[in-house]
């Protein structure tokens, strides 16, 4: 019952957050134009790899390890400054015409990093309902503020500044106080040995996330290069329709990650295999199949109702994207399992292999088939990543089970 309760809170919080972000995209599409949708989406695509490098999965590391939260917070502050500098330089050099929007979107994501590390404290104690309530409240405030400014002033920059102001208030007055709320937390000085150890573990994870995000976003960069921000706007708006399923699986993963980590410490490897293949994979398969059926029969209607007639002609793109997403949901489960069994180093190798394939695949398909090619690029790259994660998880878990049986024998 506790798992269901935690899953319910974090699931509904993530769903609400996704719907809020989606409503913002819909509002931009209806209040402004596909060009602004494209620029806004490009800002996310440019900032995402850098932000995820700074993320370094510190929240997951804190949950699965025993170091003090202070060490993680200090690393998060340090990496946020690094990320802000890198984002400013890259956006100014490569996307000077969109610099302000890219910078503001990046700043909003950096504030999300601060929220994420403060959520780690209740997460470790499975108090996900606290995180869920804060997420819902914050997203509601952001949605109201952003929508009000965009609707009445029609200015994307002012709307983003409003969002950032609301995020700052939440970080300072609510989320930061989470680390002092729990009686189990003892505030200690930063341990430099522990600090370096976390950094040593976190940097590879940050690189993995950065390269993974680049893999996902390379089709967007290439699409913007060949077709311009307007077509990218169509593609990005379509991508948002299937984010609900992603966030559901993210919620499931957040609930099961601490459990897998505990089973790994207890050397209960067969149970880990059971959870990964039965519970997580069956959930992903059902959800992915439902999304494919929904987009196959109602894709054109959904696009027309949500975004307008101009978007409805891209229903085939939506179908291919939903297939890609179904593959990605399965792949996500094995990423969670690899994280839970502390097989961190292999993830970097996986994403590097995919990265080496991503650019040539995207250039060939998008230059030949445009927006449809971008969708197929995502599907092909998702499948390659799934195969690699599945392969290495099987090798690792089989080795762990065999070693345990030898010790018992």
Foldseek 3Di string as FASTA:
>chain_A
DLLVVLLVLLLVLLLLLLVLVLVLLLLCCVLPHLLVLLLLVVLCLLLQLLLLLLLLVLLLVVLLDDDALVLSLVSSVVSLVVSLVVQQVVCCVPPVVSNLSSNLVNLLSSLVSLLSSLVSVVLSVSVSNVVSVLSNVLSVQLSVQLSVCCNPPVDNNVSSVSNSVSSVCCSPPPSVCSQVPDPVHDDDDHDVVVSVVSCVSRNLSSLLSSLLSCLLSLLLVLLCVQPNSSLSSLLVSLLSVLVSLVSSLVSVLSSCLSVLLVCLVVLVLVVLVCCLVPVQQVSLQVSLVVQLVCLVVCVLVVCCVRNRNVSSVCSVLSNLLSLLVSLLSSLVSLVSNCSSNVVRNVSSVLSVVLSVVRNVQSNVQCNVPNSSSSSVSSSVSSNSSSVSSVVVSVVVSVVSVVVVVVVVD
